[in-house]
Structures are given as structure tokens and as C-alpha cells.
Amino acid sequence: MTTTTETRSAKPTGDVVLEEIWRIKDSLSAAYGHDVKRLFAETRKRERLSGHPLVAPPRRRKARAPSRPGG
């Protein structure tokens, strides 16, 4: 399902910043055929070329051992 800002907000929200973010997001999405894998492939490519991290995944926490009931 591809929902653009134009169809999502028939009524302006009054939040100019939010509407601009939606417009940019929709533009980027359309540029990569609304395909998140293509978008992130391009982001990783730009990251390698620049030498600076653009997307930093959150660190994974180690799973804790389940606690024993009553103890």
C-alpha cells in the first residue's frame, strides 16, 4: 500500500514542519519505487562512500535468563 502525504492529509494539519517531513519522505520513497530495500541499499552505498555512519542500528541486548517463580 502506497499512501502519499497528498492523499493522507486532505486537510492541512497546521504543522508546517511535519508536513515538510512527510513531503520529503514521500519524495524519497517514490524515488526508490516505494521499496525500502532499495532505499537502504542506496543509504549503505552512500555510507561507504562517505566513510561516516548514516544509519546506526540499535545495539542488541543480551537475553536475560528467565527468573524462577518464587525465588
N, C-alpha and C. Protein backbone atom coordinates (compact mmCIF):
# COMPACT_ATOMS: atom_id res chain seq x y z
N MET A 1 0.84 -1.18 0.00
CA MET A 1 0.00 0.00 0.00
C MET A 1 0.88 1.24 0.00
N THR A 2 0.69 2.10 -0.95
CA THR A 2 1.49 3.32 -1.01
C THR A 2 0.59 4.51 -0.75
N THR A 3 0.75 5.10 0.41
CA THR A 3 -0.04 6.26 0.79
C THR A 3 0.88 7.46 0.78
N THR A 4 0.54 8.45 0.01
CA THR A 4 1.36 9.66 -0.04
C THR A 4 0.77 10.71 0.87
N THR A 5 1.56 11.72 1.15
CA THR A 5 1.11 12.81 2.00
C THR A 5 -0.13 13.48 1.42
N GLU A 6 -0.16 13.61 0.10
CA GLU A 6 -1.30 14.29 -0.53
C GLU A 6 -2.61 13.56 -0.23
N THR A 7 -2.61 12.24 -0.28
CA THR A 7 -3.85 11.51 -0.02
C THR A 7 -4.08 11.34 1.47
N ARG A 8 -3.00 11.31 2.25
CA ARG A 8 -3.15 11.10 3.68
C ARG A 8 -3.70 12.35 4.36
N SER A 9 -3.25 13.54 3.93
CA SER A 9 -3.72 14.74 4.62
C SER A 9 -4.49 15.64 3.66
N ALA A 10 -5.74 15.29 3.45
CA ALA A 10 -6.59 16.15 2.62
C ALA A 10 -6.78 17.48 3.33
N LYS A 11 -6.84 17.44 4.68
CA LYS A 11 -6.92 18.67 5.47
C LYS A 11 -5.52 18.96 6.01
N PRO A 12 -5.03 20.19 5.87
CA PRO A 12 -3.73 20.52 6.44
C PRO A 12 -3.74 20.35 7.95
N THR A 13 -2.63 19.84 8.48
CA THR A 13 -2.54 19.62 9.92
C THR A 13 -2.23 20.90 10.67
N GLY A 14 -1.72 21.91 9.96
CA GLY A 14 -1.31 23.13 10.61
C GLY A 14 0.12 23.07 11.09
N ASP A 15 0.72 21.88 11.02
CA ASP A 15 2.10 21.70 11.44
C ASP A 15 2.98 21.70 10.18
N VAL A 16 3.55 22.83 9.87
CA VAL A 16 4.31 23.01 8.64
C VAL A 16 5.53 22.09 8.61
N VAL A 17 6.20 21.94 9.75
CA VAL A 17 7.39 21.09 9.81
C VAL A 17 7.02 19.64 9.52
N LEU A 18 5.98 19.15 10.15
CA LEU A 18 5.54 17.78 9.94
C LEU A 18 5.13 17.55 8.49
N GLU A 19 4.43 18.48 7.90
CA GLU A 19 4.03 18.35 6.50
C GLU A 19 5.25 18.32 5.58
N GLU A 20 6.28 19.12 5.89
CA GLU A 20 7.51 19.12 5.09
C GLU A 20 8.23 17.78 5.21
N ILE A 21 8.28 17.22 6.42
CA ILE A 21 8.91 15.91 6.62
C ILE A 21 8.17 14.86 5.82
N TRP A 22 6.84 14.88 5.85
CA TRP A 22 6.05 13.93 5.07
C TRP A 22 6.34 14.09 3.58
N ARG A 23 6.43 15.32 3.10
CA ARG A 23 6.70 15.57 1.69
C ARG A 23 8.05 14.99 1.29
N ILE A 24 9.07 15.21 2.12
CA ILE A 24 10.41 14.69 1.83
C ILE A 24 10.40 13.17 1.87
N LYS A 25 9.74 12.59 2.86
CA LYS A 25 9.65 11.13 2.98
C LYS A 25 8.98 10.53 1.75
N ASP A 26 7.89 11.14 1.32
CA ASP A 26 7.18 10.64 0.15
C ASP A 26 8.03 10.75 -1.11
N SER A 27 8.78 11.84 -1.22
CA SER A 27 9.65 12.04 -2.37
C SER A 27 10.76 10.99 -2.42
N LEU A 28 11.39 10.74 -1.26
CA LEU A 28 12.44 9.71 -1.20
C LEU A 28 11.86 8.33 -1.51
N SER A 29 10.71 8.04 -0.94
CA SER A 29 10.07 6.75 -1.17
C SER A 29 9.76 6.55 -2.66
N ALA A 30 9.22 7.56 -3.29
CA ALA A 30 8.89 7.46 -4.71
C ALA A 30 10.14 7.31 -5.56
N ALA A 31 11.23 7.95 -5.17
CA ALA A 31 12.47 7.87 -5.94
C ALA A 31 13.03 6.44 -5.98
N TYR A 32 12.68 5.63 -4.99
CA TYR A 32 13.15 4.25 -4.94
C TYR A 32 12.01 3.26 -5.12
N GLY A 33 10.96 3.70 -5.80
CA GLY A 33 9.85 2.81 -6.14
C GLY A 33 9.11 2.30 -4.92
N HIS A 34 9.12 3.06 -3.83
CA HIS A 34 8.46 2.67 -2.58
C HIS A 34 8.99 1.32 -2.08
N ASP A 35 10.28 1.08 -2.34
CA ASP A 35 10.93 -0.18 -1.96
C ASP A 35 11.98 0.12 -0.89
N VAL A 36 11.67 -0.27 0.34
CA VAL A 36 12.55 0.02 1.47
C VAL A 36 13.93 -0.62 1.30
N LYS A 37 13.99 -1.80 0.70
CA LYS A 37 15.29 -2.46 0.48
C LYS A 37 16.17 -1.64 -0.46
N ARG A 38 15.57 -1.10 -1.52
CA ARG A 38 16.34 -0.25 -2.45
C ARG A 38 16.81 1.03 -1.77
N LEU A 39 15.94 1.63 -0.97
CA LEU A 39 16.28 2.86 -0.26
C LEU A 39 17.47 2.62 0.68
N PHE A 40 17.43 1.54 1.46
CA PHE A 40 18.52 1.28 2.39
C PHE A 40 19.78 0.80 1.69
N ALA A 41 19.66 0.15 0.54
CA ALA A 41 20.84 -0.22 -0.23
C ALA A 41 21.58 1.05 -0.67
N GLU A 42 20.83 2.04 -1.12
CA GLU A 42 21.43 3.32 -1.50
C GLU A 42 22.04 4.02 -0.30
N THR A 43 21.37 3.96 0.84
CA THR A 43 21.89 4.58 2.06
C THR A 43 23.20 3.92 2.46
N ARG A 44 23.27 2.59 2.42
CA ARG A 44 24.51 1.88 2.76
C ARG A 44 25.62 2.24 1.78
N LYS A 45 25.29 2.38 0.50
CA LYS A 45 26.27 2.76 -0.52
C LYS A 45 26.84 4.15 -0.20
N ARG A 46 25.96 5.10 0.10
CA ARG A 46 26.40 6.46 0.44
C ARG A 46 27.23 6.45 1.72
N GLU A 47 26.86 5.60 2.65
CA GLU A 47 27.60 5.49 3.91
C GLU A 47 29.03 5.02 3.64
N ARG A 48 29.19 4.00 2.80
CA ARG A 48 30.53 3.50 2.46
C ARG A 48 31.36 4.58 1.76
N LEU A 49 30.75 5.29 0.82
CA LEU A 49 31.47 6.32 0.08
C LEU A 49 31.90 7.48 0.96
N SER A 50 31.07 7.84 1.93
CA SER A 50 31.39 9.00 2.78
C SER A 50 32.35 8.64 3.91
N GLY A 51 32.34 7.37 4.33
CA GLY A 51 33.17 6.97 5.46
C GLY A 51 32.57 7.33 6.80
N HIS A 52 31.35 7.86 6.78
CA HIS A 52 30.66 8.23 8.02
C HIS A 52 29.38 7.42 8.14
N PRO A 53 29.06 6.95 9.35
CA PRO A 53 27.83 6.18 9.51
C PRO A 53 26.60 7.07 9.32
N LEU A 54 25.67 6.62 8.49
CA LEU A 54 24.42 7.34 8.28
C LEU A 54 23.28 6.68 9.03
N VAL A 55 23.36 5.36 9.16
CA VAL A 55 22.34 4.61 9.86
C VAL A 55 23.05 3.73 10.88
N ALA A 56 22.77 3.94 12.15
CA ALA A 56 23.37 3.13 13.19
C ALA A 56 22.29 2.28 13.84
N PRO A 57 22.31 0.97 13.57
CA PRO A 57 21.28 0.12 14.18
C PRO A 57 21.44 0.11 15.69
N PRO A 58 20.36 -0.05 16.42
CA PRO A 58 20.46 -0.10 17.89
C PRO A 58 21.24 -1.33 18.32
N ARG A 59 21.94 -1.19 19.43
CA ARG A 59 22.68 -2.33 19.96
C ARG A 59 21.70 -3.35 20.51
N ARG A 60 22.02 -4.60 20.26
CA ARG A 60 21.15 -5.67 20.75
C ARG A 60 21.53 -6.01 22.19
N ARG A 61 20.52 -6.16 23.00
CA ARG A 61 20.76 -6.55 24.39
C ARG A 61 20.82 -8.06 24.48
N LYS A 62 21.65 -8.53 25.41
CA LYS A 62 21.69 -9.97 25.64
C LYS A 62 20.42 -10.38 26.36
N ALA A 63 19.90 -11.53 25.98
CA ALA A 63 18.69 -12.03 26.62
C ALA A 63 19.02 -12.45 28.04
N ARG A 64 18.16 -12.08 28.95
CA ARG A 64 18.35 -12.47 30.35
C ARG A 64 17.71 -13.81 30.58
N ALA A 65 18.31 -14.58 31.47
CA ALA A 65 17.75 -15.89 31.83
C ALA A 65 16.43 -15.66 32.54
N PRO A 66 15.42 -16.48 32.25
CA PRO A 66 14.13 -16.31 32.93
C PRO A 66 14.29 -16.52 34.44
N SER A 67 13.58 -15.70 35.20
CA SER A 67 13.65 -15.84 36.65
C SER A 67 12.78 -17.03 37.09
N ARG A 68 13.19 -17.59 38.19
CA ARG A 68 12.43 -18.73 38.71
C ARG A 68 11.26 -18.24 39.56
N PRO A 69 10.11 -18.87 39.42
CA PRO A 69 8.96 -18.46 40.24
C PRO A 69 9.25 -18.73 41.72
N GLY A 70 8.91 -17.77 42.53
CA GLY A 70 9.05 -17.94 43.98
C GLY A 70 10.47 -17.79 44.47
N GLY A 71 11.37 -17.35 43.63
CA GLY A 71 12.75 -17.35 44.07
C GLY A 71 13.39 -16.10 43.81
